[in-house]
Amino acid sequence: MRAVVLMGVAEAPVAVMVAAMLLMLPVATELVAASKTIYAEWRRLIGATCGRWCWHLATAFRYDRGPTHR
């Protein structure tokens, strides 16, 4: 009888942890979705910025006419 009581006491924290994990599952999925969106936005922003700067650097200095911005 004593072993059954001790086993029940030992399993209580596990049940609490499992319940807490199940309660946090929707929050975790929202965080994953938000992080994917943020990552995609950063990639778009960095890609646009780097692409724009590369284009400016490529077109600003032409060897036949010198710098095109005056």
PDB file of N, CA and C in Angstrom:
ATOM      1  N   MET A   1       0.836  -1.199   0.000  1.00  0.00           N
ATOM      2  CA  MET A   1       0.000   0.000   0.000  1.00  0.00           C
ATOM      3  C   MET A   1       0.876   1.256   0.000  1.00  0.00           C
ATOM      4  N   ARG A   2       1.928   1.184   0.790  1.00  0.00           N
ATOM      5  CA  ARG A   2       2.815   2.335   0.884  1.00  0.00           C
ATOM      6  C   ARG A   2       3.502   2.618  -0.450  1.00  0.00           C
ATOM      7  N   ALA A   3       3.861   1.566  -1.173  1.00  0.00           N
ATOM      8  CA  ALA A   3       4.506   1.731  -2.476  1.00  0.00           C
ATOM      9  C   ALA A   3       3.557   2.377  -3.470  1.00  0.00           C
ATOM     10  N   VAL A   4       2.288   2.027  -3.396  1.00  0.00           N
ATOM     11  CA  VAL A   4       1.302   2.617  -4.307  1.00  0.00           C
ATOM     12  C   VAL A   4       1.158   4.106  -4.025  1.00  0.00           C
ATOM     13  N   VAL A   5       1.142   4.489  -2.769  1.00  0.00           N
ATOM     14  CA  VAL A   5       1.031   5.902  -2.399  1.00  0.00           C
ATOM     15  C   VAL A   5       2.262   6.656  -2.867  1.00  0.00           C
ATOM     16  N   LEU A   6       3.453   6.094  -2.648  1.00  0.00           N
ATOM     17  CA  LEU A   6       4.678   6.749  -3.082  1.00  0.00           C
ATOM     18  C   LEU A   6       4.725   6.876  -4.599  1.00  0.00           C
ATOM     19  N   MET A   7       4.233   5.846  -5.306  1.00  0.00           N
ATOM     20  CA  MET A   7       4.230   5.916  -6.759  1.00  0.00           C
ATOM     21  C   MET A   7       3.270   7.011  -7.243  1.00  0.00           C
ATOM     22  N   GLY A   8       2.148   7.142  -6.571  1.00  0.00           N
ATOM     23  CA  GLY A   8       1.200   8.194  -6.929  1.00  0.00           C
ATOM     24  C   GLY A   8       1.777   9.578  -6.694  1.00  0.00           C
ATOM     25  N   VAL A   9       2.518   9.740  -5.608  1.00  0.00           N
ATOM     26  CA  VAL A   9       3.154  11.023  -5.309  1.00  0.00           C
ATOM     27  C   VAL A   9       4.247  11.317  -6.330  1.00  0.00           C
ATOM     28  N   ALA A  10       4.985  10.295  -6.733  1.00  0.00           N
ATOM     29  CA  ALA A  10       6.065  10.496  -7.698  1.00  0.00           C
ATOM     30  C   ALA A  10       5.523  10.831  -9.082  1.00  0.00           C
ATOM     31  N   GLU A  11       4.349  10.306  -9.423  1.00  0.00           N
ATOM     32  CA  GLU A  11       3.792  10.559 -10.748  1.00  0.00           C
ATOM     33  C   GLU A  11       3.043  11.884 -10.831  1.00  0.00           C
ATOM     34  N   ALA A  12       2.728  12.490  -9.708  1.00  0.00           N
ATOM     35  CA  ALA A  12       1.972  13.742  -9.730  1.00  0.00           C
ATOM     36  C   ALA A  12       2.722  14.856 -10.458  1.00  0.00           C
ATOM     37  N   PRO A  13       4.009  15.079 -10.197  1.00  0.00           N
ATOM     38  CA  PRO A  13       4.709  16.136 -10.941  1.00  0.00           C
ATOM     39  C   PRO A  13       4.770  15.858 -12.442  1.00  0.00           C
ATOM     40  N   VAL A  14       4.866  14.582 -12.815  1.00  0.00           N
ATOM     41  CA  VAL A  14       4.889  14.237 -14.235  1.00  0.00           C
ATOM     42  C   VAL A  14       3.559  14.608 -14.877  1.00  0.00           C
ATOM     43  N   ALA A  15       2.458  14.315 -14.191  1.00  0.00           N
ATOM     44  CA  ALA A  15       1.139  14.656 -14.723  1.00  0.00           C
ATOM     45  C   ALA A  15       0.979  16.169 -14.841  1.00  0.00           C
ATOM     46  N   VAL A  16       1.499  16.889 -13.865  1.00  0.00           N
ATOM     47  CA  VAL A  16       1.423  18.353 -13.914  1.00  0.00           C
ATOM     48  C   VAL A  16       2.248  18.884 -15.082  1.00  0.00           C
ATOM     49  N   MET A  17       3.424  18.306 -15.298  1.00  0.00           N
ATOM     50  CA  MET A  17       4.264  18.758 -16.414  1.00  0.00           C
ATOM     51  C   MET A  17       3.609  18.451 -17.756  1.00  0.00           C
ATOM     52  N   VAL A  18       3.003  17.269 -17.871  1.00  0.00           N
ATOM     53  CA  VAL A  18       2.328  16.916 -19.123  1.00  0.00           C
ATOM     54  C   VAL A  18       1.155  17.851 -19.365  1.00  0.00           C
ATOM     55  N   ALA A  19       0.389  18.146 -18.322  1.00  0.00           N
ATOM     56  CA  ALA A  19      -0.737  19.066 -18.469  1.00  0.00           C
ATOM     57  C   ALA A  19      -0.255  20.462 -18.857  1.00  0.00           C
ATOM     58  N   ALA A  20       0.839  20.910 -18.258  1.00  0.00           N
ATOM     59  CA  ALA A  20       1.377  22.229 -18.600  1.00  0.00           C
ATOM     60  C   ALA A  20       1.867  22.262 -20.040  1.00  0.00           C
ATOM     61  N   MET A  21       2.496  21.172 -20.484  1.00  0.00           N
ATOM     62  CA  MET A  21       2.962  21.125 -21.872  1.00  0.00           C
ATOM     63  C   MET A  21       1.788  21.151 -22.847  1.00  0.00           C
ATOM     64  N   LEU A  22       0.716  20.436 -22.511  1.00  0.00           N
ATOM     65  CA  LEU A  22      -0.459  20.440 -23.384  1.00  0.00           C
ATOM     66  C   LEU A  22      -1.118  21.815 -23.420  1.00  0.00           C
ATOM     67  N   LEU A  23      -1.094  22.509 -22.285  1.00  0.00           N
ATOM     68  CA  LEU A  23      -1.662  23.859 -22.262  1.00  0.00           C
ATOM     69  C   LEU A  23      -0.805  24.844 -23.049  1.00  0.00           C
ATOM     70  N   MET A  24       0.503  24.613 -23.094  1.00  0.00           N
ATOM     71  CA  MET A  24       1.399  25.525 -23.803  1.00  0.00           C
ATOM     72  C   MET A  24       1.491  25.237 -25.300  1.00  0.00           C
ATOM     73  N   LEU A  25       0.920  24.144 -25.759  1.00  0.00           N
ATOM     74  CA  LEU A  25       1.038  23.769 -27.166  1.00  0.00           C
ATOM     75  C   LEU A  25       0.491  24.836 -28.114  1.00  0.00           C
ATOM     76  N   PRO A  26      -0.703  25.408 -27.880  1.00  0.00           N
ATOM     77  CA  PRO A  26      -1.159  26.474 -28.793  1.00  0.00           C
ATOM     78  C   PRO A  26      -0.241  27.691 -28.799  1.00  0.00           C
ATOM     79  N   VAL A  27       0.305  28.027 -27.640  1.00  0.00           N
ATOM     80  CA  VAL A  27       1.226  29.163 -27.564  1.00  0.00           C
ATOM     81  C   VAL A  27       2.488  28.857 -28.361  1.00  0.00           C
ATOM     82  N   ALA A  28       2.977  27.638 -28.252  1.00  0.00           N
ATOM     83  CA  ALA A  28       4.188  27.258 -28.979  1.00  0.00           C
ATOM     84  C   ALA A  28       3.958  27.303 -30.482  1.00  0.00           C
ATOM     85  N   THR A  29       2.805  26.835 -30.942  1.00  0.00           N
ATOM     86  CA  THR A  29       2.545  26.875 -32.386  1.00  0.00           C
ATOM     87  C   THR A  29       2.420  28.312 -32.875  1.00  0.00           C
ATOM     88  N   GLU A  30       1.835  29.182 -32.064  1.00  0.00           N
ATOM     89  CA  GLU A  30       1.756  30.598 -32.437  1.00  0.00           C
ATOM     90  C   GLU A  30       3.147  31.220 -32.509  1.00  0.00           C
ATOM     91  N   LEU A  31       4.010  30.873 -31.556  1.00  0.00           N
ATOM     92  CA  LEU A  31       5.370  31.414 -31.569  1.00  0.00           C
ATOM     93  C   LEU A  31       6.148  30.933 -32.785  1.00  0.00           C
ATOM     94  N   VAL A  32       5.971  29.674 -33.156  1.00  0.00           N
ATOM     95  CA  VAL A  32       6.661  29.152 -34.335  1.00  0.00           C
ATOM     96  C   VAL A  32       6.172  29.865 -35.584  1.00  0.00           C
ATOM     97  N   ALA A  33       4.859  30.050 -35.696  1.00  0.00           N
ATOM     98  CA  ALA A  33       4.314  30.745 -36.865  1.00  0.00           C
ATOM     99  C   ALA A  33       4.799  32.190 -36.915  1.00  0.00           C
ATOM    100  N   ALA A  34       4.827  32.851 -35.767  1.00  0.00           N
ATOM    101  CA  ALA A  34       5.289  34.241 -35.730  1.00  0.00           C
ATOM    102  C   ALA A  34       6.768  34.332 -36.088  1.00  0.00           C
ATOM    103  N   SER A  35       7.568  33.397 -35.600  1.00  0.00           N
ATOM    104  CA  SER A  35       8.996  33.457 -35.907  1.00  0.00           C
ATOM    105  C   SER A  35       9.245  33.202 -37.389  1.00  0.00           C
ATOM    106  N   LYS A  36       8.452  32.330 -38.009  1.00  0.00           N
ATOM    107  CA  LYS A  36       8.603  32.103 -39.449  1.00  0.00           C
ATOM    108  C   LYS A  36       8.240  33.363 -40.226  1.00  0.00           C
ATOM    109  N   THR A  37       7.182  34.044 -39.798  1.00  0.00           N
ATOM    110  CA  THR A  37       6.781  35.279 -40.471  1.00  0.00           C
ATOM    111  C   THR A  37       7.852  36.353 -40.311  1.00  0.00           C
ATOM    112  N   ILE A  38       8.374  36.494 -39.100  1.00  0.00           N
ATOM    113  CA  ILE A  38       9.415  37.498 -38.855  1.00  0.00           C
ATOM    114  C   ILE A  38      10.655  37.182 -39.686  1.00  0.00           C
ATOM    115  N   TYR A  39      11.022  35.899 -39.750  1.00  0.00           N
ATOM    116  CA  TYR A  39      12.196  35.506 -40.530  1.00  0.00           C
ATOM    117  C   TYR A  39      11.988  35.810 -42.013  1.00  0.00           C
ATOM    118  N   ALA A  40      10.786  35.531 -42.511  1.00  0.00           N
ATOM    119  CA  ALA A  40      10.506  35.814 -43.921  1.00  0.00           C
ATOM    120  C   ALA A  40      10.556  37.314 -44.198  1.00  0.00           C
ATOM    121  N   GLU A  41      10.033  38.115 -43.286  1.00  0.00           N
ATOM    122  CA  GLU A  41      10.070  39.566 -43.473  1.00  0.00           C
ATOM    123  C   GLU A  41      11.503  40.088 -43.445  1.00  0.00           C
ATOM    124  N   TRP A  42      12.319  39.583 -42.531  1.00  0.00           N
ATOM    125  CA  TRP A  42      13.718  40.008 -42.480  1.00  0.00           C
ATOM    126  C   TRP A  42      14.451  39.627 -43.754  1.00  0.00           C
ATOM    127  N   ARG A  43      14.195  38.411 -44.251  1.00  0.00           N
ATOM    128  CA  ARG A  43      14.856  37.993 -45.488  1.00  0.00           C
ATOM    129  C   ARG A  43      14.434  38.888 -46.647  1.00  0.00           C
ATOM    130  N   ARG A  44      13.150  39.232 -46.701  1.00  0.00           N
ATOM    131  CA  ARG A  44      12.675  40.102 -47.778  1.00  0.00           C
ATOM    132  C   ARG A  44      13.315  41.482 -47.667  1.00  0.00           C
ATOM    133  N   LEU A  45      13.348  42.013 -46.454  1.00  0.00           N
ATOM    134  CA  LEU A  45      13.912  43.345 -46.247  1.00  0.00           C
ATOM    135  C   LEU A  45      15.404  43.371 -46.559  1.00  0.00           C
ATOM    136  N   ILE A  46      16.132  42.387 -46.045  1.00  0.00           N
ATOM    137  CA  ILE A  46      17.577  42.346 -46.289  1.00  0.00           C
ATOM    138  C   ILE A  46      17.854  42.106 -47.765  1.00  0.00           C
ATOM    139  N   GLY A  47      17.080  41.226 -48.392  1.00  0.00           N
ATOM    140  CA  GLY A  47      17.265  40.967 -49.820  1.00  0.00           C
ATOM    141  C   GLY A  47      17.016  42.205 -50.652  1.00  0.00           C
ATOM    142  N   ALA A  48      15.953  42.936 -50.313  1.00  0.00           N
ATOM    143  CA  ALA A  48      15.652  44.154 -51.068  1.00  0.00           C
ATOM    144  C   ALA A  48      16.737  45.206 -50.852  1.00  0.00           C
ATOM    145  N   THR A  49      17.177  45.360 -49.621  1.00  0.00           N
ATOM    146  CA  THR A  49      18.198  46.363 -49.323  1.00  0.00           C
ATOM    147  C   THR A  49      19.521  46.010 -49.985  1.00  0.00           C
ATOM    148  N   CYS A  50      19.951  44.758 -49.841  1.00  0.00           N
ATOM    149  CA  CYS A  50      21.232  44.363 -50.433  1.00  0.00           C
ATOM    150  C   CYS A  50      21.164  44.410 -51.950  1.00  0.00           C
ATOM    151  N   GLY A  51      20.024  43.999 -52.505  1.00  0.00           N
ATOM    152  CA  GLY A  51      19.879  44.064 -53.953  1.00  0.00           C
ATOM    153  C   GLY A  51      19.941  45.488 -54.463  1.00  0.00           C
ATOM    154  N   ARG A  52      19.308  46.386 -53.742  1.00  0.00           N
ATOM    155  CA  ARG A  52      19.312  47.796 -54.137  1.00  0.00           C
ATOM    156  C   ARG A  52      20.720  48.368 -54.060  1.00  0.00           C
ATOM    157  N   TRP A  53      21.438  48.068 -52.977  1.00  0.00           N
ATOM    158  CA  TRP A  53      22.798  48.583 -52.839  1.00  0.00           C
ATOM    159  C   TRP A  53      23.727  48.000 -53.890  1.00  0.00           C
ATOM    160  N   CYS A  54      23.558  46.703 -54.179  1.00  0.00           N
ATOM    161  CA  CYS A  54      24.402  46.094 -55.218  1.00  0.00           C
ATOM    162  C   CYS A  54      24.131  46.747 -56.568  1.00  0.00           C
ATOM    163  N   TRP A  55      22.850  47.044 -56.846  1.00  0.00           N
ATOM    164  CA  TRP A  55      22.516  47.683 -58.116  1.00  0.00           C
ATOM    165  C   TRP A  55      23.130  49.083 -58.171  1.00  0.00           C
ATOM    166  N   HIS A  56      23.036  49.818 -57.060  1.00  0.00           N
ATOM    167  CA  HIS A  56      23.622  51.161 -57.030  1.00  0.00           C
ATOM    168  C   HIS A  56      25.135  51.110 -57.217  1.00  0.00           C
ATOM    169  N   LEU A  57      25.771  50.173 -56.549  1.00  0.00           N
ATOM    170  CA  LEU A  57      27.222  50.065 -56.689  1.00  0.00           C
ATOM    171  C   LEU A  57      27.608  49.651 -58.104  1.00  0.00           C
ATOM    172  N   ALA A  58      26.799  48.800 -58.710  1.00  0.00           N
ATOM    173  CA  ALA A  58      27.127  48.339 -60.055  1.00  0.00           C
ATOM    174  C   ALA A  58      26.907  49.431 -61.091  1.00  0.00           C
ATOM    175  N   THR A  59      25.913  50.285 -60.862  1.00  0.00           N
ATOM    176  CA  THR A  59      25.604  51.301 -61.872  1.00  0.00           C
ATOM    177  C   THR A  59      26.218  52.658 -61.555  1.00  0.00           C
ATOM    178  N   ALA A  60      26.698  52.862 -60.336  1.00  0.00           N
ATOM    179  CA  ALA A  60      27.221  54.180 -59.973  1.00  0.00           C
ATOM    180  C   ALA A  60      28.584  54.433 -60.597  1.00  0.00           C
ATOM    181  N   PHE A  61      29.381  53.414 -60.731  1.00  0.00           N
ATOM    182  CA  PHE A  61      30.722  53.593 -61.276  1.00  0.00           C
ATOM    183  C   PHE A  61      30.844  52.809 -62.578  1.00  0.00           C
ATOM    184  N   ARG A  62      30.825  53.524 -63.656  1.00  0.00           N
ATOM    185  CA  ARG A  62      31.027  52.897 -64.954  1.00  0.00           C
ATOM    186  C   ARG A  62      32.379  53.356 -65.466  1.00  0.00           C
ATOM    187  N   TYR A  63      33.129  52.416 -65.969  1.00  0.00           N
ATOM    188  CA  TYR A  63      34.514  52.720 -66.326  1.00  0.00           C
ATOM    189  C   TYR A  63      34.616  53.665 -67.521  1.00  0.00           C
ATOM    190  N   ASP A  64      33.606  53.675 -68.373  1.00  0.00           N
ATOM    191  CA  ASP A  64      33.722  54.536 -69.554  1.00  0.00           C
ATOM    192  C   ASP A  64      33.410  55.989 -69.238  1.00  0.00           C
ATOM    193  N   ARG A  65      32.533  56.246 -68.265  1.00  0.00           N
ATOM    194  CA  ARG A  65      32.125  57.623 -67.992  1.00  0.00           C
ATOM    195  C   ARG A  65      32.442  58.086 -66.580  1.00  0.00           C
ATOM    196  N   GLY A  66      32.971  57.233 -65.743  1.00  0.00           N
ATOM    197  CA  GLY A  66      33.209  57.625 -64.363  1.00  0.00           C
ATOM    198  C   GLY A  66      31.925  57.538 -63.549  1.00  0.00           C
ATOM    199  N   PRO A  67      31.917  58.150 -62.389  1.00  0.00           N
ATOM    200  CA  PRO A  67      30.706  58.094 -61.556  1.00  0.00           C
ATOM    201  C   PRO A  67      29.518  58.743 -62.258  1.00  0.00           C
ATOM    202  N   THR A  68      28.371  58.065 -62.214  1.00  0.00           N
ATOM    203  CA  THR A  68      27.186  58.599 -62.896  1.00  0.00           C
ATOM    204  C   THR A  68      26.375  59.514 -62.003  1.00  0.00           C
ATOM    205  N   HIS A  69      26.588  59.462 -60.703  1.00  0.00           N
ATOM    206  CA  HIS A  69      25.837  60.376 -59.834  1.00  0.00           C
ATOM    207  C   HIS A  69      26.625  61.665 -59.677  1.00  0.00           C
ATOM    208  N   ARG A  70      25.972  62.771 -59.912  1.00  0.00           N
ATOM    209  CA  ARG A  70      26.653  64.069 -59.815  1.00  0.00           C
ATOM    210  C   ARG A  70      25.897  64.985 -58.898  1.00  0.00           C
TER     211      ARG A  70
END
